[in-house]
Amino acid sequence: MTLFVVGTLAVLVLLAWATLRTAVFLRQVQLTFNLLLLPAENIFRFVLIAVCVWLAQSSGQPYAQFGWRAAEPAREIVVGLAVGIPVALILPLLTRWAVARFGPPVYSPVVVRSILPRSRREWLLVPLALVPSVFLEELLFRSLLLGGFAIFAPPIVLAILWSILFGAMHLPQGALGMVAAALLGLLFSAMFIATASLLAPFIAHYAINLLQLVWASKDKTWLESYGANTSGYP
């Protein structure tokens, strides 16, 4: 159990460090490639996924504790879509309102810009690359930190704690990005607790991220309002 706790926290620290380093890089460099499609980035994610699975197995806890057994997968997919799609439609409206109310600094699209597909080929590859990206976050924050750590504290306490940290890791997206991520973390945690499965929050999380890219590609005025160069986007 010590290995599980220490290893999980180490993965969390490593992911947080990598996220902040990437944020600094994105603010200093104008990308000419899609960050989500870099081979090194994807290898890094798959390695962390493997480490997370190994840590969960080393804990000696049943797979059900980590939400790895879906009793009704079809139902949980529907629940994930029923939650994720409406939230994805609300977020653009919230973003526009917040920017109009508090000014552009309240939100930064730097992360979305870095993974927004630039061609038809990327529109085929980016949705695939989103799978391990979203899965890693859900595996770490919901399976390990919420499910696996539930033997140490009540789930509601863990959900609040890790959701705040989840939001803080979205610092590159500004104050609105952090608040929205923290609230979404609470939502995903509630779905995980309610369904005792990782599938529903994963589907919701994936749908939100993918539809956010679709929205950004259809309405580039929000990028232009931040002084972004959209000439490289179709």
Protein backbone atom coordinates (compact mmCIF):
# COMPACT_ATOMS: atom_id res chain seq x y z
CA MET A 1 0.00 0.00 0.00
CA THR A 2 2.91 2.36 0.70
CA LEU A 3 4.14 1.83 -2.86
CA PHE A 4 0.68 2.66 -4.20
CA VAL A 5 0.36 5.88 -2.19
CA VAL A 6 3.88 7.16 -2.81
CA GLY A 7 3.86 6.12 -6.47
CA THR A 8 0.47 7.72 -7.15
CA LEU A 9 1.51 11.00 -5.56
CA ALA A 10 4.76 10.90 -7.54
CA VAL A 11 2.81 10.50 -10.79
CA LEU A 12 0.61 13.41 -9.75
CA VAL A 13 3.62 15.64 -9.09
CA LEU A 14 5.25 14.59 -12.37
CA LEU A 15 2.09 15.32 -14.36
CA ALA A 16 1.66 18.69 -12.66
CA TRP A 17 5.28 19.60 -13.39
CA ALA A 18 4.97 18.54 -17.04
CA THR A 19 1.75 20.56 -17.38
CA LEU A 20 3.35 23.73 -16.03
CA ARG A 21 6.46 23.27 -18.16
CA THR A 22 4.28 22.85 -21.24
CA ALA A 23 2.38 26.01 -20.31
CA VAL A 24 5.61 28.01 -20.12
CA PHE A 25 6.68 26.59 -23.48
CA LEU A 26 3.37 27.50 -25.13
CA ARG A 27 3.62 31.09 -23.94
CA GLN A 28 7.12 31.46 -25.39
CA VAL A 29 6.77 29.67 -28.72
CA GLN A 30 4.32 30.01 -31.61
CA LEU A 31 3.60 26.39 -32.52
CA THR A 32 3.63 25.22 -36.13
CA PHE A 33 2.59 21.68 -35.17
CA ASN A 34 -0.16 20.05 -33.13
CA LEU A 35 1.08 19.43 -29.60
CA LEU A 36 -1.31 16.52 -29.06
CA LEU A 37 0.20 14.61 -31.99
CA LEU A 38 3.83 14.73 -30.90
CA PRO A 39 5.16 11.14 -30.58
CA ALA A 40 7.10 11.96 -27.39
CA GLU A 41 3.99 13.40 -25.75
CA ASN A 42 1.95 10.30 -26.55
CA ILE A 43 4.69 7.92 -25.42
CA PHE A 44 4.86 9.84 -22.15
CA ARG A 45 1.09 9.46 -21.66
CA PHE A 46 1.11 5.74 -22.39
CA VAL A 47 4.00 5.21 -19.98
CA LEU A 48 2.11 7.07 -17.23
CA ILE A 49 -1.04 5.07 -17.97
CA ALA A 50 0.94 1.83 -17.61
CA VAL A 51 2.46 3.07 -14.35
CA CYS A 52 -0.99 3.99 -12.99
CA VAL A 53 -2.37 0.55 -13.83
CA TRP A 54 0.64 -1.11 -12.21
CA LEU A 55 0.27 1.02 -9.07
CA ALA A 56 -3.40 0.11 -8.78
CA GLN A 57 -2.57 -3.59 -9.09
CA SER A 58 0.20 -3.25 -6.51
CA SER A 59 -2.27 -1.87 -3.96
CA GLY A 60 -4.00 -5.22 -3.59
CA GLN A 61 -7.41 -3.58 -3.82
CA PRO A 62 -10.12 -5.07 -6.08
CA TYR A 63 -10.54 -3.65 -9.56
CA ALA A 64 -14.05 -2.50 -8.63
CA GLN A 65 -12.48 -0.05 -6.17
CA PHE A 66 -10.88 1.73 -9.12
CA GLY A 67 -14.03 1.69 -11.25
CA TRP A 68 -12.63 -0.76 -13.75
CA ARG A 69 -15.75 -2.90 -13.91
CA ALA A 70 -18.77 -1.43 -15.67
CA ALA A 71 -21.94 -3.23 -14.64
CA GLU A 72 -23.98 -1.61 -17.43
CA PRO A 73 -21.55 -0.17 -19.99
CA ALA A 74 -24.24 0.93 -22.47
CA ARG A 75 -26.07 2.82 -19.74
CA GLU A 76 -22.88 4.47 -18.52
CA ILE A 77 -21.96 5.58 -22.03
CA VAL A 78 -25.40 7.18 -22.36
CA VAL A 79 -24.99 8.86 -18.97
CA GLY A 80 -21.57 10.17 -20.00
CA LEU A 81 -22.94 11.63 -23.23
CA ALA A 82 -26.04 13.00 -21.50
CA VAL A 83 -23.80 14.92 -19.10
CA GLY A 84 -20.89 15.77 -21.39
CA ILE A 85 -22.78 17.17 -24.40
CA PRO A 86 -24.91 19.73 -22.51
CA VAL A 87 -21.90 20.87 -20.49
CA ALA A 88 -19.88 21.26 -23.70
CA LEU A 89 -22.65 23.48 -25.11
CA ILE A 90 -22.80 25.61 -21.96
CA LEU A 91 -19.06 26.22 -21.64
CA PRO A 92 -18.75 28.51 -24.72
CA LEU A 93 -21.61 30.66 -23.43
CA LEU A 94 -19.97 30.84 -20.01
CA THR A 95 -16.63 31.75 -21.60
CA ARG A 96 -18.13 34.58 -23.63
CA TRP A 97 -19.99 35.95 -20.62
CA ALA A 98 -16.90 35.81 -18.40
CA VAL A 99 -14.69 37.50 -20.99
CA ALA A 100 -17.29 40.25 -21.53
CA ARG A 101 -17.68 40.72 -17.78
CA PHE A 102 -14.08 40.46 -16.56
CA GLY A 103 -12.01 41.01 -19.71
CA PRO A 104 -9.84 38.73 -21.89
CA PRO A 105 -7.25 37.98 -19.15
CA VAL A 106 -9.81 35.86 -17.31
CA TYR A 107 -9.33 33.06 -19.84
CA SER A 108 -6.51 31.99 -22.15
CA PRO A 109 -7.06 29.73 -25.17
CA VAL A 110 -3.36 28.87 -25.38
CA VAL A 111 -3.95 25.17 -24.69
CA VAL A 112 -6.86 24.85 -27.10
CA ARG A 113 -4.86 26.62 -29.81
CA SER A 114 -2.00 24.15 -29.35
CA ILE A 115 -4.17 21.10 -30.06
CA LEU A 116 -6.73 22.54 -32.50
CA PRO A 117 -6.62 20.50 -35.73
CA ARG A 118 -5.23 22.36 -38.75
CA SER A 119 -6.19 19.90 -41.49
CA ARG A 120 -8.54 17.05 -42.32
CA ARG A 121 -5.79 14.60 -41.43
CA GLU A 122 -5.45 16.13 -37.98
CA TRP A 123 -9.22 15.98 -37.53
CA LEU A 124 -8.84 12.21 -37.88
CA LEU A 125 -5.82 11.93 -35.60
CA VAL A 126 -6.59 14.42 -32.83
CA PRO A 127 -9.80 12.67 -31.64
CA LEU A 128 -7.75 9.47 -31.38
CA ALA A 129 -4.94 11.20 -29.50
CA LEU A 130 -7.49 12.68 -27.10
CA VAL A 131 -8.37 9.18 -25.87
CA PRO A 132 -5.13 8.47 -23.93
CA SER A 133 -4.92 12.11 -22.84
CA VAL A 134 -8.37 12.07 -21.23
CA PHE A 135 -7.98 8.51 -20.01
CA LEU A 136 -4.77 9.36 -18.15
CA GLU A 137 -6.45 12.21 -16.28
CA GLU A 138 -9.48 10.11 -15.37
CA LEU A 139 -7.33 7.12 -14.42
CA LEU A 140 -5.21 9.23 -12.08
CA PHE A 141 -7.78 11.60 -10.58
CA ARG A 142 -10.80 9.30 -10.45
CA SER A 143 -9.50 5.71 -10.30
CA LEU A 144 -6.39 6.13 -8.16
CA LEU A 145 -6.77 9.36 -6.21
CA LEU A 146 -10.52 9.00 -5.60
CA GLY A 147 -11.21 5.28 -5.78
CA GLY A 148 -7.90 3.97 -4.49
CA PHE A 149 -7.50 6.60 -1.75
CA ALA A 150 -11.08 6.07 -0.52
CA ILE A 151 -9.73 3.80 2.22
CA PHE A 152 -8.05 6.85 3.78
CA ALA A 153 -10.80 9.49 3.64
CA PRO A 154 -14.49 9.91 2.70
CA PRO A 155 -15.03 10.11 -1.08
CA ILE A 156 -16.65 13.57 -0.86
CA VAL A 157 -13.56 14.96 0.89
CA LEU A 158 -11.28 13.41 -1.70
CA ALA A 159 -13.49 14.64 -4.53
CA ILE A 160 -13.22 18.23 -3.31
CA LEU A 161 -9.49 18.03 -2.62
CA TRP A 162 -8.49 16.48 -5.94
CA SER A 163 -10.92 18.67 -7.91
CA ILE A 164 -9.27 21.80 -6.51
CA LEU A 165 -5.89 20.41 -7.54
CA PHE A 166 -7.30 19.40 -10.93
CA GLY A 167 -8.42 22.99 -11.41
CA ALA A 168 -5.05 24.38 -10.29
CA MET A 169 -3.33 22.30 -12.96
CA HIS A 170 -5.29 24.28 -15.55
CA LEU A 171 -3.51 27.50 -14.53
CA PRO A 172 -2.38 28.14 -18.15
CA GLN A 173 -6.04 28.67 -19.10
CA GLY A 174 -6.51 31.56 -16.69
CA ALA A 175 -8.84 32.03 -13.71
CA LEU A 176 -11.91 30.88 -15.63
CA GLY A 177 -10.10 27.80 -16.87
CA MET A 178 -9.11 26.83 -13.33
CA VAL A 179 -12.58 27.38 -11.88
CA ALA A 180 -14.27 25.52 -14.74
CA ALA A 181 -11.81 22.62 -14.48
CA ALA A 182 -12.33 22.36 -10.71
CA LEU A 183 -16.11 22.28 -11.15
CA LEU A 184 -15.80 19.72 -13.93
CA GLY A 185 -13.52 17.68 -11.66
CA LEU A 186 -16.28 17.65 -9.04
CA LEU A 187 -18.80 16.64 -11.70
CA PHE A 188 -16.64 13.78 -12.96
CA SER A 189 -15.96 12.67 -9.38
CA ALA A 190 -19.70 12.65 -8.62
CA MET A 191 -20.29 10.52 -11.71
CA PHE A 192 -17.53 8.14 -10.64
CA ILE A 193 -18.99 7.77 -7.14
CA ALA A 194 -22.56 7.41 -8.41
CA THR A 195 -21.79 4.79 -11.06
CA ALA A 196 -18.80 3.11 -9.34
CA SER A 197 -17.27 3.06 -12.82
CA LEU A 198 -14.65 5.05 -14.73
CA LEU A 199 -16.57 4.75 -18.00
CA ALA A 200 -19.22 7.46 -17.47
CA PRO A 201 -16.83 10.24 -16.37
CA PHE A 202 -14.38 9.27 -19.12
CA ILE A 203 -17.09 9.58 -21.80
CA ALA A 204 -18.29 12.91 -20.39
CA HIS A 205 -14.74 14.28 -20.15
CA TYR A 206 -13.89 13.15 -23.69
CA ALA A 207 -17.10 14.59 -25.16
CA ILE A 208 -16.46 17.97 -23.52
CA ASN A 209 -12.88 18.18 -24.76
CA LEU A 210 -13.73 17.08 -28.30
CA LEU A 211 -16.72 19.40 -28.65
CA GLN A 212 -14.63 22.26 -27.31
CA LEU A 213 -12.30 21.79 -30.28
CA VAL A 214 -15.24 21.59 -32.68
CA TRP A 215 -16.62 24.84 -31.28
CA ALA A 216 -13.22 26.55 -31.50
CA SER A 217 -12.84 25.51 -35.14
CA LYS A 218 -16.29 26.83 -36.06
CA ASP A 219 -15.99 30.15 -34.23
CA LYS A 220 -12.47 31.54 -34.58
CA THR A 221 -13.53 35.03 -33.49
CA TRP A 222 -12.84 34.04 -29.90
CA LEU A 223 -9.23 33.24 -30.86
CA GLU A 224 -8.89 36.52 -32.71
CA SER A 225 -10.17 38.41 -29.67
CA TYR A 226 -7.06 37.23 -27.84
CA GLY A 227 -4.76 38.40 -30.61
CA ALA A 228 -4.23 34.84 -31.84
CA ASN A 229 -3.10 34.12 -35.34
CA THR A 230 -5.70 31.85 -36.94
CA SER A 231 -4.28 31.91 -40.44
CA GLY A 232 -2.92 28.41 -40.05
CA TYR A 233 -6.33 26.93 -39.31
CA PRO A 234 -8.79 25.70 -41.92
